[in-house]
């Protein structure tokens, strides 16, 4: 009887096993805004003002020169 219960418990546990919850893949996909001067990668959630701050402080250039992909008309 104990062996039967053990097997049932093992089967139930195997059914309940789920995949990992790592966010590494999601984080990598979110990094899709690249500075064209220094190739630093930023998350797509960065605001234009934050990107402009990078462009002005690091390169003394306009944000449109460093991040032209953010200003493409869709």
PDB file of N, CA and C in Angstrom:
ATOM      1  N   UNK A   1       0.814  -1.187   0.000  1.00  0.00           N
ATOM      2  CA  UNK A   1       0.000   0.000   0.000  1.00  0.00           C
ATOM      3  C   UNK A   1       0.868   1.266   0.000  1.00  0.00           C
ATOM      4  N   UNK A   2       1.986   1.249   0.774  1.00  0.00           N
ATOM      5  CA  UNK A   2       2.858   2.414   0.833  1.00  0.00           C
ATOM      6  C   UNK A   2       3.503   2.686  -0.520  1.00  0.00           C
ATOM      7  N   UNK A   3       3.891   1.639  -1.217  1.00  0.00           N
ATOM      8  CA  UNK A   3       4.526   1.803  -2.523  1.00  0.00           C
ATOM      9  C   UNK A   3       3.549   2.444  -3.496  1.00  0.00           C
ATOM     10  N   UNK A   4       2.316   2.039  -3.467  1.00  0.00           N
ATOM     11  CA  UNK A   4       1.296   2.600  -4.341  1.00  0.00           C
ATOM     12  C   UNK A   4       1.111   4.093  -4.059  1.00  0.00           C
ATOM     13  N   UNK A   5       1.032   4.470  -2.797  1.00  0.00           N
ATOM     14  CA  UNK A   5       0.881   5.878  -2.434  1.00  0.00           C
ATOM     15  C   UNK A   5       2.106   6.683  -2.854  1.00  0.00           C
ATOM     16  N   UNK A   6       3.272   6.098  -2.683  1.00  0.00           N
ATOM     17  CA  UNK A   6       4.506   6.768  -3.066  1.00  0.00           C
ATOM     18  C   UNK A   6       4.530   7.024  -4.570  1.00  0.00           C
ATOM     19  N   UNK A   7       4.121   6.021  -5.349  1.00  0.00           N
ATOM     20  CA  UNK A   7       4.080   6.176  -6.804  1.00  0.00           C
ATOM     21  C   UNK A   7       3.061   7.235  -7.211  1.00  0.00           C
ATOM     22  N   UNK A   8       1.908   7.247  -6.557  1.00  0.00           N
ATOM     23  CA  UNK A   8       0.894   8.246  -6.866  1.00  0.00           C
ATOM     24  C   UNK A   8       1.414   9.651  -6.551  1.00  0.00           C
ATOM     25  N   UNK A   9       2.076   9.787  -5.429  1.00  0.00           N
ATOM     26  CA  UNK A   9       2.626  11.085  -5.046  1.00  0.00           C
ATOM     27  C   UNK A   9       3.688  11.538  -6.043  1.00  0.00           C
ATOM     28  N   UNK A  10       4.534  10.630  -6.481  1.00  0.00           N
ATOM     29  CA  UNK A  10       5.580  10.948  -7.450  1.00  0.00           C
ATOM     30  C   UNK A  10       4.959  11.390  -8.774  1.00  0.00           C
ATOM     31  N   UNK A  11       3.941  10.678  -9.237  1.00  0.00           N
ATOM     32  CA  UNK A  11       3.269  11.036 -10.488  1.00  0.00           C
ATOM     33  C   UNK A  11       2.599  12.403 -10.373  1.00  0.00           C
ATOM     34  N   UNK A  12       1.950  12.660  -9.257  1.00  0.00           N
ATOM     35  CA  UNK A  12       1.279  13.940  -9.050  1.00  0.00           C
ATOM     36  C   UNK A  12       2.305  15.079  -9.057  1.00  0.00           C
ATOM     37  N   UNK A  13       3.443  14.845  -8.440  1.00  0.00           N
ATOM     38  CA  UNK A  13       4.487  15.865  -8.393  1.00  0.00           C
ATOM     39  C   UNK A  13       5.040  16.132  -9.791  1.00  0.00           C
ATOM     40  N   UNK A  14       5.235  15.091 -10.577  1.00  0.00           N
ATOM     41  CA  UNK A  14       5.752  15.253 -11.934  1.00  0.00           C
ATOM     42  C   UNK A  14       4.786  16.041 -12.802  1.00  0.00           C
ATOM     43  N   UNK A  15       3.495  15.879 -12.593  1.00  0.00           N
ATOM     44  CA  UNK A  15       2.502  16.619 -13.367  1.00  0.00           C
ATOM     45  C   UNK A  15       2.528  18.092 -12.984  1.00  0.00           C
ATOM     46  N   UNK A  16       2.772  18.379 -11.717  1.00  0.00           N
ATOM     47  CA  UNK A  16       2.744  19.745 -11.222  1.00  0.00           C
ATOM     48  C   UNK A  16       4.012  20.533 -11.529  1.00  0.00           C
ATOM     49  N   UNK A  17       5.074  19.875 -11.973  1.00  0.00           N
ATOM     50  CA  UNK A  17       6.343  20.547 -12.231  1.00  0.00           C
ATOM     51  C   UNK A  17       6.158  21.524 -13.390  1.00  0.00           C
ATOM     52  N   UNK A  18       6.608  22.745 -13.166  1.00  0.00           N
ATOM     53  CA  UNK A  18       6.494  23.782 -14.186  1.00  0.00           C
ATOM     54  C   UNK A  18       7.888  24.254 -14.564  1.00  0.00           C
ATOM     55  N   UNK A  19       7.953  24.994 -15.660  1.00  0.00           N
ATOM     56  CA  UNK A  19       9.227  25.536 -16.108  1.00  0.00           C
ATOM     57  C   UNK A  19       9.722  26.624 -15.178  1.00  0.00           C
ATOM     58  N   UNK A  20      10.975  26.997 -15.356  1.00  0.00           N
ATOM     59  CA  UNK A  20      11.565  28.044 -14.536  1.00  0.00           C
ATOM     60  C   UNK A  20      10.923  29.394 -14.781  1.00  0.00           C
ATOM     61  N   UNK A  21      11.149  30.303 -13.886  1.00  0.00           N
ATOM     62  CA  UNK A  21      10.550  31.625 -13.982  1.00  0.00           C
ATOM     63  C   UNK A  21      11.627  32.690 -14.196  1.00  0.00           C
ATOM     64  N   UNK A  22      12.648  32.353 -14.925  1.00  0.00           N
ATOM     65  CA  UNK A  22      13.728  33.290 -15.174  1.00  0.00           C
ATOM     66  C   UNK A  22      13.261  34.403 -16.105  1.00  0.00           C
ATOM     67  N   UNK A  23      13.708  35.622 -15.837  1.00  0.00           N
ATOM     68  CA  UNK A  23      13.356  36.753 -16.678  1.00  0.00           C
ATOM     69  C   UNK A  23      14.517  37.184 -17.561  1.00  0.00           C
ATOM     70  N   UNK A  24      15.532  36.381 -17.663  1.00  0.00           N
ATOM     71  CA  UNK A  24      16.692  36.758 -18.465  1.00  0.00           C
ATOM     72  C   UNK A  24      16.319  36.972 -19.921  1.00  0.00           C
ATOM     73  N   UNK A  25      15.488  36.100 -20.465  1.00  0.00           N
ATOM     74  CA  UNK A  25      15.084  36.227 -21.862  1.00  0.00           C
ATOM     75  C   UNK A  25      14.261  37.497 -22.068  1.00  0.00           C
ATOM     76  N   UNK A  26      13.343  37.774 -21.177  1.00  0.00           N
ATOM     77  CA  UNK A  26      12.516  38.978 -21.282  1.00  0.00           C
ATOM     78  C   UNK A  26      13.368  40.236 -21.148  1.00  0.00           C
ATOM     79  N   UNK A  27      14.332  40.212 -20.249  1.00  0.00           N
ATOM     80  CA  UNK A  27      15.219  41.362 -20.081  1.00  0.00           C
ATOM     81  C   UNK A  27      16.062  41.594 -21.324  1.00  0.00           C
ATOM     82  N   UNK A  28      16.521  40.533 -21.931  1.00  0.00           N
ATOM     83  CA  UNK A  28      17.332  40.663 -23.139  1.00  0.00           C
ATOM     84  C   UNK A  28      16.509  41.235 -24.287  1.00  0.00           C
ATOM     85  N   UNK A  29      15.253  40.815 -24.398  1.00  0.00           N
ATOM     86  CA  UNK A  29      14.384  41.321 -25.458  1.00  0.00           C
ATOM     87  C   UNK A  29      14.024  42.786 -25.233  1.00  0.00           C
ATOM     88  N   UNK A  30      13.993  43.225 -23.998  1.00  0.00           N
ATOM     89  CA  UNK A  30      13.635  44.606 -23.686  1.00  0.00           C
ATOM     90  C   UNK A  30      14.770  45.575 -24.006  1.00  0.00           C
ATOM     91  N   UNK A  31      15.977  45.088 -24.151  1.00  0.00           N
ATOM     92  CA  UNK A  31      17.128  45.938 -24.470  1.00  0.00           C
ATOM     93  C   UNK A  31      17.201  46.133 -25.974  1.00  0.00           C
ATOM     94  N   UNK A  32      16.475  47.110 -26.488  1.00  0.00           N
ATOM     95  CA  UNK A  32      16.477  47.253 -27.931  1.00  0.00           C
ATOM     96  C   UNK A  32      16.681  48.682 -28.411  1.00  0.00           C
ATOM     97  N   UNK A  33      17.112  49.587 -27.560  1.00  0.00           N
ATOM     98  CA  UNK A  33      17.439  50.942 -27.977  1.00  0.00           C
ATOM     99  C   UNK A  33      18.944  51.097 -27.820  1.00  0.00           C
ATOM    100  N   UNK A  34      19.636  51.330 -28.939  1.00  0.00           N
ATOM    101  CA  UNK A  34      21.093  51.386 -28.934  1.00  0.00           C
ATOM    102  C   UNK A  34      21.574  52.771 -29.336  1.00  0.00           C
ATOM    103  N   UNK A  35      22.507  53.292 -28.584  1.00  0.00           N
ATOM    104  CA  UNK A  35      23.152  54.550 -28.942  1.00  0.00           C
ATOM    105  C   UNK A  35      24.047  54.282 -30.148  1.00  0.00           C
ATOM    106  N   UNK A  36      23.881  55.061 -31.197  1.00  0.00           N
ATOM    107  CA  UNK A  36      24.648  54.843 -32.424  1.00  0.00           C
ATOM    108  C   UNK A  36      26.073  55.370 -32.332  1.00  0.00           C
ATOM    109  N   UNK A  37      26.400  56.088 -31.279  1.00  0.00           N
ATOM    110  CA  UNK A  37      27.752  56.611 -31.108  1.00  0.00           C
ATOM    111  C   UNK A  37      28.613  55.631 -30.320  1.00  0.00           C
ATOM    112  N   UNK A  38      28.118  55.196 -29.150  1.00  0.00           N
ATOM    113  CA  UNK A  38      28.932  54.334 -28.286  1.00  0.00           C
ATOM    114  C   UNK A  38      28.380  52.911 -28.177  1.00  0.00           C
ATOM    115  N   UNK A  39      27.259  52.652 -28.820  1.00  0.00           N
ATOM    116  CA  UNK A  39      26.619  51.326 -28.848  1.00  0.00           C
ATOM    117  C   UNK A  39      26.219  50.819 -27.464  1.00  0.00           C
ATOM    118  N   UNK A  40      25.938  51.740 -26.559  1.00  0.00           N
ATOM    119  CA  UNK A  40      25.370  51.366 -25.269  1.00  0.00           C
ATOM    120  C   UNK A  40      23.913  50.988 -25.498  1.00  0.00           C
ATOM    121  N   UNK A  41      23.472  49.910 -24.869  1.00  0.00           N
ATOM    122  CA  UNK A  41      22.109  49.423 -25.066  1.00  0.00           C
ATOM    123  C   UNK A  41      21.246  49.853 -23.889  1.00  0.00           C
ATOM    124  N   UNK A  42      20.072  50.378 -24.207  1.00  0.00           N
ATOM    125  CA  UNK A  42      19.120  50.822 -23.201  1.00  0.00           C
ATOM    126  C   UNK A  42      17.827  50.038 -23.343  1.00  0.00           C
ATOM    127  N   UNK A  43      17.074  49.980 -22.253  1.00  0.00           N
ATOM    128  CA  UNK A  43      15.770  49.323 -22.296  1.00  0.00           C
ATOM    129  C   UNK A  43      14.795  50.209 -23.069  1.00  0.00           C
ATOM    130  N   UNK A  44      13.831  49.575 -23.718  1.00  0.00           N
ATOM    131  CA  UNK A  44      12.875  50.319 -24.526  1.00  0.00           C
ATOM    132  C   UNK A  44      11.973  51.216 -23.685  1.00  0.00           C
ATOM    133  N   UNK A  45      11.961  51.030 -22.382  1.00  0.00           N
ATOM    134  CA  UNK A  45      11.123  51.844 -21.509  1.00  0.00           C
ATOM    135  C   UNK A  45      11.767  53.176 -21.143  1.00  0.00           C
ATOM    136  N   UNK A  46      13.006  53.411 -21.574  1.00  0.00           N
ATOM    137  CA  UNK A  46      13.673  54.679 -21.285  1.00  0.00           C
ATOM    138  C   UNK A  46      12.944  55.805 -22.010  1.00  0.00           C
ATOM    139  N   UNK A  47      12.738  56.902 -21.321  1.00  0.00           N
ATOM    140  CA  UNK A  47      12.057  58.037 -21.937  1.00  0.00           C
ATOM    141  C   UNK A  47      13.027  58.802 -22.835  1.00  0.00           C
ATOM    142  N   UNK A  48      12.452  59.622 -23.705  1.00  0.00           N
ATOM    143  CA  UNK A  48      13.266  60.438 -24.607  1.00  0.00           C
ATOM    144  C   UNK A  48      14.155  61.381 -23.793  1.00  0.00           C
ATOM    145  N   UNK A  49      13.633  61.904 -22.695  1.00  0.00           N
ATOM    146  CA  UNK A  49      14.439  62.827 -21.884  1.00  0.00           C
ATOM    147  C   UNK A  49      15.648  62.121 -21.269  1.00  0.00           C
ATOM    148  N   UNK A  50      15.495  60.874 -20.869  1.00  0.00           N
ATOM    149  CA  UNK A  50      16.629  60.125 -20.321  1.00  0.00           C
ATOM    150  C   UNK A  50      17.651  59.828 -21.411  1.00  0.00           C
ATOM    151  N   UNK A  51      17.178  59.508 -22.605  1.00  0.00           N
ATOM    152  CA  UNK A  51      18.096  59.269 -23.717  1.00  0.00           C
ATOM    153  C   UNK A  51      18.792  60.563 -24.124  1.00  0.00           C
ATOM    154  N   UNK A  52      18.061  61.679 -24.081  1.00  0.00           N
ATOM    155  CA  UNK A  52      18.651  62.977 -24.407  1.00  0.00           C
ATOM    156  C   UNK A  52      19.741  63.338 -23.404  1.00  0.00           C
ATOM    157  N   UNK A  53      19.511  63.006 -22.146  1.00  0.00           N
ATOM    158  CA  UNK A  53      20.517  63.263 -21.117  1.00  0.00           C
ATOM    159  C   UNK A  53      21.801  62.496 -21.419  1.00  0.00           C
ATOM    160  N   UNK A  54      21.673  61.240 -21.838  1.00  0.00           N
ATOM    161  CA  UNK A  54      22.843  60.440 -22.208  1.00  0.00           C
ATOM    162  C   UNK A  54      23.569  61.090 -23.385  1.00  0.00           C
ATOM    163  N   UNK A  55      22.808  61.462 -24.415  1.00  0.00           N
ATOM    164  CA  UNK A  55      23.407  62.029 -25.622  1.00  0.00           C
ATOM    165  C   UNK A  55      24.156  63.323 -25.318  1.00  0.00           C
ATOM    166  N   UNK A  56      23.567  64.176 -24.506  1.00  0.00           N
ATOM    167  CA  UNK A  56      24.198  65.457 -24.201  1.00  0.00           C
ATOM    168  C   UNK A  56      25.395  65.303 -23.265  1.00  0.00           C
ATOM    169  N   UNK A  57      25.261  64.460 -22.254  1.00  0.00           N
ATOM    170  CA  UNK A  57      26.338  64.329 -21.267  1.00  0.00           C
ATOM    171  C   UNK A  57      27.519  63.515 -21.780  1.00  0.00           C
ATOM    172  N   UNK A  58      27.263  62.461 -22.512  1.00  0.00           N
ATOM    173  CA  UNK A  58      28.346  61.573 -22.946  1.00  0.00           C
ATOM    174  C   UNK A  58      28.976  62.008 -24.269  1.00  0.00           C
ATOM    175  N   UNK A  59      28.146  62.542 -25.181  1.00  0.00           N
ATOM    176  CA  UNK A  59      28.643  62.790 -26.534  1.00  0.00           C
ATOM    177  C   UNK A  59      28.520  64.241 -26.979  1.00  0.00           C
ATOM    178  N   UNK A  60      27.850  65.082 -26.188  1.00  0.00           N
ATOM    179  CA  UNK A  60      27.605  66.467 -26.561  1.00  0.00           C
ATOM    180  C   UNK A  60      26.932  66.552 -27.932  1.00  0.00           C
ATOM    181  N   UNK A  61      25.949  65.682 -28.145  1.00  0.00           N
ATOM    182  CA  UNK A  61      25.208  65.632 -29.404  1.00  0.00           C
ATOM    183  C   UNK A  61      23.719  65.669 -29.117  1.00  0.00           C
ATOM    184  N   UNK A  62      22.961  65.862 -30.190  1.00  0.00           N
ATOM    185  CA  UNK A  62      21.501  65.858 -30.093  1.00  0.00           C
ATOM    186  C   UNK A  62      21.009  64.421 -29.951  1.00  0.00           C
ATOM    187  N   UNK A  63      19.881  64.264 -29.282  1.00  0.00           N
ATOM    188  CA  UNK A  63      19.325  62.925 -29.059  1.00  0.00           C
ATOM    189  C   UNK A  63      18.979  62.239 -30.384  1.00  0.00           C
ATOM    190  N   UNK A  64      18.611  63.017 -31.399  1.00  0.00           N
ATOM    191  CA  UNK A  64      18.253  62.425 -32.702  1.00  0.00           C
ATOM    192  C   UNK A  64      19.470  61.846 -33.415  1.00  0.00           C
ATOM    193  N   UNK A  65      20.640  62.357 -33.122  1.00  0.00           N
ATOM    194  CA  UNK A  65      21.862  61.809 -33.711  1.00  0.00           C
ATOM    195  C   UNK A  65      22.243  60.480 -33.066  1.00  0.00           C
ATOM    196  N   UNK A  66      22.033  60.377 -31.763  1.00  0.00           N
ATOM    197  CA  UNK A  66      22.428  59.171 -31.037  1.00  0.00           C
ATOM    198  C   UNK A  66      21.381  58.064 -31.109  1.00  0.00           C
ATOM    199  N   UNK A  67      20.112  58.440 -31.166  1.00  0.00           N
ATOM    200  CA  UNK A  67      19.023  57.454 -31.143  1.00  0.00           C
ATOM    201  C   UNK A  67      18.036  57.709 -32.282  1.00  0.00           C
ATOM    202  N   UNK A  68      18.468  57.577 -33.527  1.00  0.00           N
ATOM    203  CA  UNK A  68      17.547  57.861 -34.641  1.00  0.00           C
ATOM    204  C   UNK A  68      16.371  56.887 -34.705  1.00  0.00           C
ATOM    205  N   UNK A  69      16.524  55.679 -34.182  1.00  0.00           N
ATOM    206  CA  UNK A  69      15.453  54.689 -34.246  1.00  0.00           C
ATOM    207  C   UNK A  69      14.245  55.096 -33.408  1.00  0.00           C
ATOM    208  N   UNK A  70      14.425  55.980 -32.438  1.00  0.00           N
ATOM    209  CA  UNK A  70      13.303  56.442 -31.614  1.00  0.00           C
ATOM    210  C   UNK A  70      12.457  57.492 -32.336  1.00  0.00           C
ATOM    211  N   UNK A  71      12.966  58.024 -33.446  1.00  0.00           N
ATOM    212  CA  UNK A  71      12.265  59.096 -34.143  1.00  0.00           C
ATOM    213  C   UNK A  71      11.812  58.690 -35.539  1.00  0.00           C
ATOM    214  N   UNK A  72      11.804  57.399 -35.820  1.00  0.00           N
ATOM    215  CA  UNK A  72      11.324  56.903 -37.112  1.00  0.00           C
ATOM    216  C   UNK A  72       9.809  56.949 -37.104  1.00  0.00           C
ATOM    217  N   UNK A  73       9.224  57.530 -38.135  1.00  0.00           N
ATOM    218  CA  UNK A  73       7.761  57.580 -38.237  1.00  0.00           C
ATOM    219  C   UNK A  73       7.237  56.211 -38.616  1.00  0.00           C
ATOM    220  N   UNK A  74       6.235  55.752 -37.882  1.00  0.00           N
ATOM    221  CA  UNK A  74       5.654  54.438 -38.177  1.00  0.00           C
ATOM    222  C   UNK A  74       4.291  54.576 -38.774  1.00  0.00           C
TER     223      UNK A  74
END
